[in-house]
Amino acid sequence: MKIYEWNIRGAANFSCTNNYCIPRWIVNEVLKDNPDCIVLTEFVLSTGWDYLQSRLHAENYNWFTSLTTGKNGILIAIKKNRHYDFSQIFHFQDGTINNSEVLNTKLPPDFYEVRLKINKEDVSIIGIRVRKDINCSIENYTEKQLNVLDNYLIGLKHKVICIGDFNAYWGSIWNTEKNTALPRTSKKYKLYTPVFNHTDGFSYVHPNGKKVQLDHLITNINWKSIECKYDWDFVSAGNGYAQYEKDSPNKPKGLPDHAIFKVEAYV
């Protein structure tokens, strides 16, 4: 199963009052390898959506979105093929599609869940983005969102693929007592993150130039093997990044500043 996740930096735009547009090259980039599943975070409905929707339709995807004006949403697209049973989804049974309301909190992360059947087994695909308090107005803002997610994930009894921008990094402490973010989840789920390196093994660059890994896959599925990487090949002058490199902080406004997180999991 090939899964691509990308924080495309829609930045909660009010598209009716500004010029934000989903560039066509973003759509082409994420679809060019025909992944089985696409998860876009910081996704907002805006100019350019018509092209994205038409390409998803042409490439034979089912797509689902969580959208609220002025807030960041998540898009999940799943390639139609014989391995997936979408009868549940199209009947919209309870619990088949969930947004952040299922977390039952006033301070949720950006969250969206689509439940389907793969080989007759229930599988939840969850897109996640843990938000940052840019105004520093709420104490333990990130930690509270991770705690809510921790409570939810440990309660799921079926197979789960949770992928996104967690605004957190665990490294080698995932399943140890030092893990205070998602501590209970770490006992039941495995964490997959590319090996860090300063060339391309990072998913984001802080304004101070520090390279970090914020995008991860968390799953309770026992895959035979998983390969994952951060892809920065889209950073080019033709895509609007003239005079910028993948390790440049403060990339151009309105364009992605996260790498594409590419995962290939083998049964």
Protein backbone atom coordinates (compact mmCIF):
# COMPACT_ATOMS: atom_id res chain seq x y z
CA MET A 1 0.00 0.00 0.00
CA LYS A 2 1.44 3.33 -1.07
CA ILE A 3 0.41 6.25 1.19
CA TYR A 4 1.37 9.90 0.61
CA GLU A 5 0.83 12.64 3.20
CA TRP A 6 1.51 16.34 2.59
CA ASN A 7 0.94 19.48 4.60
CA ILE A 8 0.20 21.81 1.67
CA ARG A 9 0.03 24.95 3.83
CA GLY A 10 -3.44 26.25 3.03
CA ALA A 11 -3.04 28.16 6.30
CA ALA A 12 -6.77 28.45 7.08
CA ASN A 13 -7.28 30.95 4.31
CA PHE A 14 -10.54 32.76 3.67
CA SER A 15 -10.42 32.13 -0.04
CA CYS A 16 -13.27 34.55 -0.77
CA THR A 17 -11.19 37.49 0.47
CA ASN A 18 -7.67 36.68 -0.69
CA ASN A 19 -5.82 35.22 -3.63
CA TYR A 20 -4.91 31.81 -2.21
CA CYS A 21 -5.04 29.06 -4.84
CA ILE A 22 -4.16 25.37 -4.82
CA PRO A 23 -1.48 25.34 -7.53
CA ARG A 24 -1.91 22.76 -10.26
CA TRP A 25 1.64 21.54 -9.80
CA ILE A 26 0.75 20.41 -6.25
CA VAL A 27 -2.07 18.29 -7.64
CA ASN A 28 0.15 16.85 -10.37
CA GLU A 29 2.97 16.16 -7.92
CA VAL A 30 0.92 14.21 -5.40
CA LEU A 31 -0.87 12.18 -8.09
CA LYS A 32 2.03 11.37 -10.40
CA ASP A 33 2.89 8.04 -8.71
CA ASN A 34 -0.76 6.95 -8.31
CA PRO A 35 -0.57 6.27 -4.56
CA ASP A 36 -3.25 4.09 -3.00
CA CYS A 37 -4.02 6.75 -0.39
CA ILE A 38 -3.44 10.51 -0.27
CA VAL A 39 -3.76 12.59 2.89
CA LEU A 40 -3.51 16.38 2.56
CA THR A 41 -3.35 18.48 5.71
CA GLU A 42 -3.78 22.28 5.98
CA PHE A 43 -6.23 21.77 3.12
CA VAL A 44 -8.77 24.53 2.41
CA LEU A 45 -11.44 24.82 -0.25
CA SER A 46 -10.26 27.48 -2.65
CA THR A 47 -9.52 28.35 -6.24
CA GLY A 48 -7.81 25.33 -7.73
CA TRP A 49 -10.16 22.83 -6.08
CA ASP A 50 -11.93 22.22 -9.38
CA TYR A 51 -8.70 20.95 -10.94
CA LEU A 52 -7.90 18.76 -7.92
CA GLN A 53 -11.40 17.27 -7.95
CA SER A 54 -11.31 16.61 -11.68
CA ARG A 55 -7.93 14.87 -11.43
CA LEU A 56 -9.07 12.71 -8.51
CA HIS A 57 -12.12 11.69 -10.53
CA ALA A 58 -10.08 10.99 -13.66
CA GLU A 59 -7.54 8.91 -11.71
CA ASN A 60 -10.30 6.83 -10.08
CA TYR A 61 -10.16 8.01 -6.47
CA ASN A 62 -12.85 8.34 -3.83
CA TRP A 63 -12.23 11.53 -1.87
CA PHE A 64 -13.46 12.87 1.46
CA THR A 65 -12.84 16.23 3.13
CA SER A 66 -13.27 17.93 6.49
CA LEU A 67 -13.82 21.61 5.80
CA THR A 68 -14.80 24.60 7.92
CA THR A 69 -14.40 28.12 6.58
CA GLY A 70 -11.41 29.83 8.13
CA LYS A 71 -9.93 26.61 9.49
CA ASN A 72 -7.56 24.00 8.14
CA GLY A 73 -9.15 20.85 6.82
CA ILE A 74 -7.95 17.42 5.79
CA LEU A 75 -8.52 15.63 2.49
CA ILE A 76 -8.31 11.85 2.26
CA ALA A 77 -8.38 10.24 -1.20
CA ILE A 78 -8.38 6.48 -1.68
CA LYS A 79 -7.73 4.76 -4.97
CA LYS A 80 -10.59 2.54 -6.11
CA ASN A 81 -9.59 -1.07 -6.71
CA ARG A 82 -10.68 -4.57 -5.84
CA HIS A 83 -8.97 -4.53 -2.43
CA TYR A 84 -11.32 -1.94 -0.93
CA ASP A 85 -14.98 -2.42 0.00
CA PHE A 86 -16.67 0.99 -0.08
CA SER A 87 -20.18 -0.26 0.66
CA GLN A 88 -19.88 1.06 4.21
CA ILE A 89 -18.72 4.48 3.10
CA PHE A 90 -21.43 5.08 0.55
CA HIS A 91 -24.10 4.12 3.07
CA PHE A 92 -22.56 6.55 5.59
CA GLN A 93 -23.07 4.25 8.55
CA ASP A 94 -22.32 5.59 12.02
CA GLY A 95 -18.60 5.76 12.64
CA THR A 96 -17.65 5.30 9.00
CA ILE A 97 -16.51 8.90 8.55
CA ASN A 98 -15.52 11.00 11.56
CA ASN A 99 -14.27 14.55 11.95
CA SER A 100 -12.78 16.09 15.10
CA GLU A 101 -16.17 16.04 16.86
CA VAL A 102 -15.60 12.35 17.61
CA LEU A 103 -12.74 13.38 19.92
CA ASN A 104 -15.24 15.09 22.24
CA THR A 105 -13.08 18.05 23.21
CA LYS A 106 -13.03 21.81 22.81
CA LEU A 107 -9.37 21.68 21.77
CA PRO A 108 -9.01 19.04 19.04
CA PRO A 109 -6.25 18.67 16.50
CA ASP A 110 -7.19 18.80 12.84
CA PHE A 111 -8.58 15.29 12.48
CA TYR A 112 -10.40 13.21 9.87
CA GLU A 113 -11.11 9.50 9.76
CA VAL A 114 -12.40 7.29 6.96
CA ARG A 115 -13.20 3.69 7.83
CA LEU A 116 -13.31 1.06 5.10
CA LYS A 117 -12.76 -2.65 4.60
CA ILE A 118 -9.56 -4.10 3.24
CA ASN A 119 -9.65 -7.87 2.73
CA LYS A 120 -12.89 -7.92 4.77
CA GLU A 121 -11.24 -6.27 7.79
CA ASP A 122 -12.13 -2.83 9.17
CA VAL A 123 -9.35 -0.31 8.65
CA SER A 124 -9.40 3.34 9.73
CA ILE A 125 -7.33 5.81 7.75
CA ILE A 126 -6.82 8.89 9.92
CA GLY A 127 -5.33 12.18 8.77
CA ILE A 128 -3.96 14.35 11.56
CA ARG A 129 -2.40 17.75 12.08
CA VAL A 130 -1.62 18.86 15.61
CA ARG A 131 -1.98 22.62 15.70
CA LYS A 132 0.48 25.11 17.19
CA ASP A 133 -0.52 28.04 19.38
CA ILE A 134 1.16 30.82 17.40
CA ASN A 135 -0.14 33.43 19.86
CA CYS A 136 1.07 31.49 22.93
CA SER A 137 -2.32 32.05 24.58
CA ILE A 138 -3.14 28.48 25.72
CA GLU A 139 -0.95 26.55 28.12
CA ASN A 140 0.21 23.12 26.88
CA TYR A 141 -1.71 23.63 23.64
CA THR A 142 0.07 20.92 21.63
CA GLU A 143 0.23 18.48 24.54
CA LYS A 144 -3.52 18.69 25.14
CA GLN A 145 -4.26 17.80 21.51
CA LEU A 146 -1.89 14.85 21.63
CA ASN A 147 -3.52 13.63 24.85
CA VAL A 148 -6.95 13.66 23.19
CA LEU A 149 -5.54 11.73 20.22
CA ASP A 150 -3.86 9.28 22.61
CA ASN A 151 -7.20 8.54 24.28
CA TYR A 152 -8.91 8.00 20.95
CA LEU A 153 -6.34 5.74 19.30
CA ILE A 154 -6.07 3.31 22.21
CA GLY A 155 -9.83 2.87 22.12
CA LEU A 156 -9.90 1.59 18.55
CA LYS A 157 -10.08 -2.20 18.32
CA HIS A 158 -9.52 -2.60 14.58
CA LYS A 159 -6.64 -1.80 12.24
CA VAL A 160 -5.52 1.84 12.05
CA ILE A 161 -3.32 3.91 9.76
CA CYS A 162 -2.77 7.35 11.32
CA ILE A 163 -0.58 9.70 9.31
CA GLY A 164 0.09 13.42 9.30
CA ASP A 165 1.85 16.40 10.81
CA PHE A 166 2.03 15.71 14.55
CA ASN A 167 4.18 18.75 15.39
CA ALA A 168 6.13 16.35 17.57
CA TYR A 169 9.22 14.17 17.31
CA TRP A 170 9.83 10.92 19.19
CA GLY A 171 12.98 9.46 17.69
CA SER A 172 14.18 6.50 19.76
CA ILE A 173 11.95 7.29 22.78
CA TRP A 174 8.66 6.13 21.16
CA ASN A 175 8.02 3.05 23.29
CA THR A 176 9.80 4.24 26.44
CA GLU A 177 8.86 6.04 29.64
CA LYS A 178 10.31 9.25 28.18
CA ASN A 179 7.44 9.43 25.69
CA THR A 180 4.96 11.83 27.29
CA ALA A 181 3.17 12.52 23.97
CA LEU A 182 1.01 9.52 22.94
CA PRO A 183 2.46 7.32 25.72
CA ARG A 184 -0.38 4.77 25.72
CA THR A 185 -0.61 4.65 21.94
CA SER A 186 3.08 3.80 21.78
CA LYS A 187 2.40 0.55 23.66
CA LYS A 188 0.07 -0.71 20.91
CA TYR A 189 1.19 1.15 17.79
CA LYS A 190 4.44 1.35 15.88
CA LEU A 191 5.96 4.63 14.76
CA TYR A 192 7.48 5.04 11.30
CA THR A 193 9.68 8.03 10.53
CA PRO A 194 12.46 8.32 7.92
CA VAL A 195 16.02 8.18 9.18
CA PHE A 196 17.14 11.72 9.90
CA ASN A 197 19.86 13.36 7.84
CA HIS A 198 20.67 16.96 6.97
CA THR A 199 20.38 16.40 3.21
CA ASP A 200 16.72 15.41 2.92
CA GLY A 201 15.78 13.47 6.07
CA PHE A 202 13.65 16.24 7.56
CA SER A 203 10.07 17.32 6.91
CA TYR A 204 10.18 20.97 8.02
CA VAL A 205 12.64 23.77 8.66
CA HIS A 206 11.97 26.10 11.59
CA PRO A 207 12.41 29.86 11.06
CA ASN A 208 15.70 29.60 12.96
CA GLY A 209 16.98 27.09 10.38
CA LYS A 210 16.62 23.97 12.54
CA LYS A 211 15.63 20.91 10.53
CA VAL A 212 13.00 18.72 12.19
CA GLN A 213 10.84 15.66 11.55
CA LEU A 214 7.17 16.42 12.23
CA ASP A 215 5.40 14.09 9.79
CA HIS A 216 5.00 10.48 10.85
CA LEU A 217 3.01 7.27 10.38
CA ILE A 218 1.51 5.50 13.39
CA THR A 219 -0.12 2.11 12.87
CA ASN A 220 -1.15 -1.05 14.70
CA ILE A 221 -0.93 -3.12 11.51
CA ASN A 222 1.84 -5.70 11.40
CA TRP A 223 3.24 -4.97 7.96
CA LYS A 224 5.93 -7.25 6.59
CA SER A 225 8.01 -4.14 5.89
CA ILE A 226 7.59 -0.38 5.51
CA GLU A 227 9.75 2.04 3.57
CA CYS A 228 9.29 5.77 4.09
CA LYS A 229 10.99 8.95 3.02
CA TYR A 230 10.59 12.73 2.87
CA ASP A 231 10.50 14.01 -0.69
CA TRP A 232 11.66 17.58 -1.39
CA ASP A 233 12.04 17.26 -5.16
CA PHE A 234 9.15 19.69 -5.73
CA VAL A 235 11.27 22.63 -4.53
CA SER A 236 12.23 24.29 -7.82
CA ALA A 237 12.09 27.67 -9.50
CA GLY A 238 9.34 26.43 -11.81
CA ASN A 239 7.11 25.73 -8.78
CA GLY A 240 7.63 29.16 -7.25
CA TYR A 241 10.69 28.49 -5.11
CA ALA A 242 13.20 30.64 -7.01
CA GLN A 243 16.11 31.50 -4.70
CA TYR A 244 14.91 28.89 -2.18
CA GLU A 245 16.26 25.45 -1.33
CA LYS A 246 14.62 22.56 0.51
CA ASP A 247 16.50 23.54 3.66
CA SER A 248 15.53 27.22 3.41
CA PRO A 249 13.40 28.49 6.31
CA ASN A 250 10.41 30.76 5.68
CA LYS A 251 9.51 29.38 2.26
CA PRO A 252 7.23 31.47 -0.02
CA LYS A 253 3.81 32.21 1.42
CA GLY A 254 1.03 30.05 0.00
CA LEU A 255 3.35 27.19 -1.01
CA PRO A 256 4.11 24.00 0.94
CA ASP A 257 6.87 24.25 3.53
CA HIS A 258 6.69 20.56 4.49
CA ALA A 259 8.13 17.66 2.52
CA ILE A 260 5.86 15.06 0.97
CA PHE A 261 5.87 12.09 3.34
CA LYS A 262 5.90 8.96 1.18
CA VAL A 263 5.22 5.53 2.67
CA GLU A 264 5.21 2.13 0.98
CA ALA A 265 3.94 -0.68 3.21
CA TYR A 266 4.15 -4.34 2.25
CA VAL A 267 1.85 -7.08 3.53
